[in-house]
């Protein structure tokens, strides 16, 4: 019985699991942000590119 109680009190390895969960949650937030903001960022760069092409034509 004492071995069973000691087994459940053992906390080795819990830190790595917690770090893994935190990294997983951060990855989900980053991916969601890219999915939501991706089209807006693309549109912004396209507009910048178009403005550069229109104002800086090389002949």
Protein backbone atom coordinates (compact mmCIF):
# COMPACT_ATOMS: atom_id res chain seq x y z
CA UNK A 1 0.00 0.00 0.00
CA UNK A 2 2.88 2.36 0.82
CA UNK A 3 4.38 1.82 -2.64
CA UNK A 4 1.08 2.83 -4.25
CA UNK A 5 0.90 6.03 -2.18
CA UNK A 6 4.51 6.86 -3.07
CA UNK A 7 3.74 6.25 -6.75
CA UNK A 8 0.96 8.86 -6.75
CA UNK A 9 3.08 11.36 -4.81
CA UNK A 10 5.92 11.10 -7.33
CA UNK A 11 6.07 14.38 -9.28
CA UNK A 12 8.97 13.62 -11.61
CA UNK A 13 8.15 14.49 -15.20
CA UNK A 14 5.20 16.76 -14.45
CA UNK A 15 7.19 19.86 -15.35
CA UNK A 16 7.83 18.63 -18.87
CA UNK A 17 4.15 17.87 -19.38
CA UNK A 18 3.20 21.35 -18.23
CA UNK A 19 5.76 22.94 -20.56
CA UNK A 20 4.42 20.82 -23.40
CA UNK A 21 0.87 21.99 -22.73
CA UNK A 22 1.96 25.63 -22.62
CA UNK A 23 3.87 25.31 -25.89
CA UNK A 24 0.87 23.60 -27.48
CA UNK A 25 -1.47 26.40 -26.41
CA UNK A 26 0.94 29.06 -27.70
CA UNK A 27 1.14 27.24 -31.04
CA UNK A 28 -2.67 27.15 -31.31
CA UNK A 29 -2.90 30.90 -30.58
CA UNK A 30 -0.20 31.72 -33.16
CA UNK A 31 -1.85 29.57 -35.85
CA UNK A 32 -5.25 31.09 -35.14
CA UNK A 33 -3.77 34.58 -35.35
CA UNK A 34 -2.14 33.83 -38.68
CA UNK A 35 -5.37 32.39 -40.08
CA UNK A 36 -7.34 35.44 -38.97
CA UNK A 37 -4.79 38.12 -39.89
CA UNK A 38 -3.19 36.40 -42.89
CA UNK A 39 -5.44 37.84 -45.60
CA UNK A 40 -5.16 41.37 -44.17
CA UNK A 41 -1.36 41.16 -44.06
CA UNK A 42 -1.26 39.82 -47.62
CA UNK A 43 -3.49 42.67 -48.81
CA UNK A 44 -1.24 45.21 -47.10
CA UNK A 45 1.89 43.87 -48.83
CA UNK A 46 0.13 43.72 -52.20
CA UNK A 47 -0.91 47.36 -51.82
CA UNK A 48 2.65 48.36 -50.90
CA UNK A 49 3.98 46.47 -53.92
CA UNK A 50 1.46 48.09 -56.25
CA UNK A 51 2.28 51.56 -54.93
CA UNK A 52 6.00 50.94 -55.41
CA UNK A 53 5.43 49.74 -58.97
CA UNK A 54 3.29 52.78 -59.82
CA UNK A 55 5.65 55.37 -58.35
CA UNK A 56 9.02 53.89 -59.20
CA UNK A 57 8.85 52.78 -62.81
CA UNK A 58 12.24 52.26 -64.42
CA UNK A 59 12.60 52.91 -68.12
